[in-house]
Amino acid sequence: MKKMNSEGYQILKQLVSDVQGAPYPNVIENELYKIWYEHAQQIAIQCLEYLDKTFPQEKTSEKLPKF
C-alpha cells in the first residue's frame, strides 16, 4: 500500500479546516453559507481525485460496503 505524500496531507488538512469552519446555516439562502459550501465542495472533489490517483487499488477493495 502506498503512503500518502505531502500533497495528500495538504488537501486533507484543507478539507478538515473547511469543514471545521463551516458557518451555521440559519437560512439556506445565506450568502456566507453558499460561499463556504462551494469552497468545501471543490476541496472535497480534489481530495477524492487525489485518493483515486494515489490509491487506485483501494477502489476495488472488498472491504468497502456495498449499497
N, C-alpha and C. Protein backbone atom coordinates (compact mmCIF):
# COMPACT_ATOMS: atom_id res chain seq x y z
N MET A 1 0.85 -1.19 0.00
CA MET A 1 0.00 0.00 0.00
C MET A 1 0.88 1.24 0.00
N LYS A 2 0.53 2.19 -0.80
CA LYS A 2 1.28 3.44 -0.88
C LYS A 2 1.05 4.27 0.37
N LYS A 3 2.00 5.12 0.66
CA LYS A 3 1.87 6.09 1.74
C LYS A 3 1.40 7.41 1.14
N MET A 4 0.67 8.17 1.93
CA MET A 4 0.20 9.47 1.46
C MET A 4 1.38 10.44 1.45
N ASN A 5 1.50 11.22 0.40
CA ASN A 5 2.58 12.19 0.30
C ASN A 5 2.12 13.56 0.83
N SER A 6 3.01 14.53 0.75
CA SER A 6 2.69 15.85 1.31
C SER A 6 1.52 16.52 0.59
N GLU A 7 1.34 16.25 -0.71
CA GLU A 7 0.19 16.81 -1.43
C GLU A 7 -1.12 16.32 -0.81
N GLY A 8 -1.18 15.04 -0.52
CA GLY A 8 -2.37 14.46 0.09
C GLY A 8 -2.65 15.04 1.46
N TYR A 9 -1.61 15.18 2.26
CA TYR A 9 -1.80 15.76 3.59
C TYR A 9 -2.31 17.19 3.51
N GLN A 10 -1.78 17.97 2.57
CA GLN A 10 -2.24 19.35 2.42
C GLN A 10 -3.71 19.42 2.03
N ILE A 11 -4.11 18.55 1.11
CA ILE A 11 -5.51 18.54 0.66
C ILE A 11 -6.42 18.13 1.82
N LEU A 12 -6.04 17.09 2.55
CA LEU A 12 -6.87 16.64 3.68
C LEU A 12 -6.93 17.69 4.78
N LYS A 13 -5.80 18.34 5.06
CA LYS A 13 -5.81 19.39 6.08
C LYS A 13 -6.74 20.53 5.68
N GLN A 14 -6.72 20.90 4.38
CA GLN A 14 -7.60 21.97 3.91
C GLN A 14 -9.06 21.56 4.02
N LEU A 15 -9.37 20.31 3.69
CA LEU A 15 -10.74 19.83 3.78
C LEU A 15 -11.24 19.86 5.22
N VAL A 16 -10.43 19.37 6.14
CA VAL A 16 -10.81 19.38 7.56
C VAL A 16 -10.97 20.81 8.04
N SER A 17 -10.07 21.69 7.65
CA SER A 17 -10.17 23.09 8.04
C SER A 17 -11.46 23.72 7.54
N ASP A 18 -11.81 23.43 6.29
CA ASP A 18 -13.04 23.98 5.72
C ASP A 18 -14.27 23.46 6.44
N VAL A 19 -14.27 22.18 6.77
CA VAL A 19 -15.42 21.60 7.45
C VAL A 19 -15.54 22.18 8.86
N GLN A 20 -14.42 22.34 9.55
CA GLN A 20 -14.45 22.91 10.90
C GLN A 20 -14.92 24.36 10.89
N GLY A 21 -14.64 25.08 9.81
CA GLY A 21 -15.01 26.49 9.73
C GLY A 21 -16.37 26.74 9.13
N ALA A 22 -17.18 25.73 9.04
CA ALA A 22 -18.49 25.87 8.40
C ALA A 22 -19.38 26.83 9.17
N PRO A 23 -19.98 27.78 8.48
CA PRO A 23 -20.94 28.66 9.14
C PRO A 23 -22.24 27.90 9.40
N TYR A 24 -22.87 28.21 10.49
CA TYR A 24 -24.15 27.58 10.80
C TYR A 24 -25.20 28.15 9.85
N PRO A 25 -25.85 27.29 9.08
CA PRO A 25 -26.81 27.81 8.09
C PRO A 25 -28.16 28.17 8.73
N ASN A 26 -28.25 29.39 9.24
CA ASN A 26 -29.54 29.85 9.80
C ASN A 26 -30.61 29.75 8.73
N VAL A 27 -30.23 30.13 7.55
CA VAL A 27 -31.12 30.07 6.39
C VAL A 27 -30.27 29.57 5.23
N ILE A 28 -30.80 28.67 4.47
CA ILE A 28 -30.04 28.13 3.34
C ILE A 28 -29.69 29.23 2.33
N GLU A 29 -30.45 30.28 2.30
CA GLU A 29 -30.20 31.36 1.35
C GLU A 29 -29.10 32.31 1.82
N ASN A 30 -28.46 32.02 2.95
CA ASN A 30 -27.39 32.85 3.48
C ASN A 30 -26.19 32.84 2.53
N GLU A 31 -25.71 34.01 2.12
CA GLU A 31 -24.62 34.13 1.16
C GLU A 31 -23.32 33.53 1.71
N LEU A 32 -23.03 33.74 2.99
CA LEU A 32 -21.83 33.18 3.60
C LEU A 32 -21.83 31.66 3.53
N TYR A 33 -22.99 31.06 3.76
CA TYR A 33 -23.11 29.61 3.69
C TYR A 33 -22.87 29.12 2.26
N LYS A 34 -23.42 29.81 1.27
CA LYS A 34 -23.23 29.41 -0.13
C LYS A 34 -21.75 29.46 -0.52
N ILE A 35 -21.06 30.51 -0.10
CA ILE A 35 -19.63 30.65 -0.42
C ILE A 35 -18.85 29.51 0.22
N TRP A 36 -19.11 29.25 1.50
CA TRP A 36 -18.41 28.16 2.19
C TRP A 36 -18.71 26.83 1.52
N TYR A 37 -19.97 26.56 1.21
CA TYR A 37 -20.38 25.28 0.63
C TYR A 37 -19.67 25.01 -0.69
N GLU A 38 -19.62 26.02 -1.57
CA GLU A 38 -18.95 25.85 -2.85
C GLU A 38 -17.47 25.55 -2.66
N HIS A 39 -16.83 26.26 -1.74
CA HIS A 39 -15.40 26.05 -1.47
C HIS A 39 -15.17 24.65 -0.90
N ALA A 40 -16.00 24.22 0.03
CA ALA A 40 -15.85 22.90 0.63
C ALA A 40 -16.07 21.80 -0.41
N GLN A 41 -17.01 22.00 -1.32
CA GLN A 41 -17.24 21.02 -2.37
C GLN A 41 -16.04 20.90 -3.30
N GLN A 42 -15.42 22.01 -3.63
CA GLN A 42 -14.25 21.99 -4.51
C GLN A 42 -13.09 21.23 -3.86
N ILE A 43 -12.82 21.48 -2.58
CA ILE A 43 -11.71 20.80 -1.92
C ILE A 43 -12.05 19.33 -1.70
N ALA A 44 -13.30 18.99 -1.48
CA ALA A 44 -13.69 17.58 -1.34
C ALA A 44 -13.47 16.83 -2.65
N ILE A 45 -13.77 17.45 -3.77
CA ILE A 45 -13.53 16.85 -5.08
C ILE A 45 -12.03 16.64 -5.30
N GLN A 46 -11.22 17.64 -4.93
CA GLN A 46 -9.77 17.50 -5.05
C GLN A 46 -9.28 16.33 -4.21
N CYS A 47 -9.83 16.19 -3.02
CA CYS A 47 -9.44 15.12 -2.12
C CYS A 47 -9.77 13.76 -2.73
N LEU A 48 -10.96 13.60 -3.25
CA LEU A 48 -11.36 12.33 -3.86
C LEU A 48 -10.53 12.02 -5.10
N GLU A 49 -10.24 13.03 -5.91
CA GLU A 49 -9.40 12.82 -7.09
C GLU A 49 -8.00 12.37 -6.68
N TYR A 50 -7.45 12.98 -5.65
CA TYR A 50 -6.13 12.60 -5.16
C TYR A 50 -6.14 11.15 -4.69
N LEU A 51 -7.15 10.77 -3.92
CA LEU A 51 -7.23 9.40 -3.42
C LEU A 51 -7.36 8.40 -4.56
N ASP A 52 -8.16 8.72 -5.58
CA ASP A 52 -8.31 7.84 -6.74
C ASP A 52 -6.98 7.68 -7.49
N LYS A 53 -6.25 8.79 -7.62
CA LYS A 53 -4.98 8.77 -8.34
C LYS A 53 -3.89 8.04 -7.54
N THR A 54 -3.85 8.27 -6.25
CA THR A 54 -2.77 7.74 -5.43
C THR A 54 -3.01 6.32 -4.96
N PHE A 55 -4.26 5.96 -4.72
CA PHE A 55 -4.59 4.64 -4.22
C PHE A 55 -5.62 3.95 -5.12
N PRO A 56 -5.28 3.72 -6.40
CA PRO A 56 -6.27 3.14 -7.32
C PRO A 56 -6.72 1.74 -6.92
N GLN A 57 -5.87 0.97 -6.28
CA GLN A 57 -6.24 -0.40 -5.89
C GLN A 57 -7.29 -0.40 -4.79
N GLU A 58 -7.44 0.67 -4.06
CA GLU A 58 -8.41 0.74 -2.97
C GLU A 58 -9.84 0.85 -3.50
N LYS A 59 -10.03 1.29 -4.73
CA LYS A 59 -11.37 1.44 -5.30
C LYS A 59 -12.06 0.09 -5.47
N THR A 60 -11.27 -0.95 -5.70
CA THR A 60 -11.86 -2.26 -5.94
C THR A 60 -11.76 -3.17 -4.73
N SER A 61 -11.44 -2.58 -3.60
CA SER A 61 -11.27 -3.36 -2.38
C SER A 61 -12.59 -3.99 -1.94
N GLU A 62 -12.52 -5.22 -1.48
CA GLU A 62 -13.72 -5.93 -0.99
C GLU A 62 -14.12 -5.43 0.39
N LYS A 63 -13.30 -4.60 1.00
CA LYS A 63 -13.60 -4.08 2.34
C LYS A 63 -14.70 -3.02 2.31
N LEU A 64 -14.93 -2.44 1.16
CA LEU A 64 -15.94 -1.37 1.08
C LEU A 64 -17.34 -1.95 1.13
N PRO A 65 -18.23 -1.31 1.86
CA PRO A 65 -19.60 -1.82 1.92
C PRO A 65 -20.30 -1.61 0.58
N LYS A 66 -21.19 -2.50 0.25
CA LYS A 66 -21.96 -2.39 -0.99
C LYS A 66 -23.36 -1.90 -0.65
N PHE A 67 -23.79 -0.86 -1.31
CA PHE A 67 -25.09 -0.27 -1.05
C PHE A 67 -26.06 -0.66 -2.12
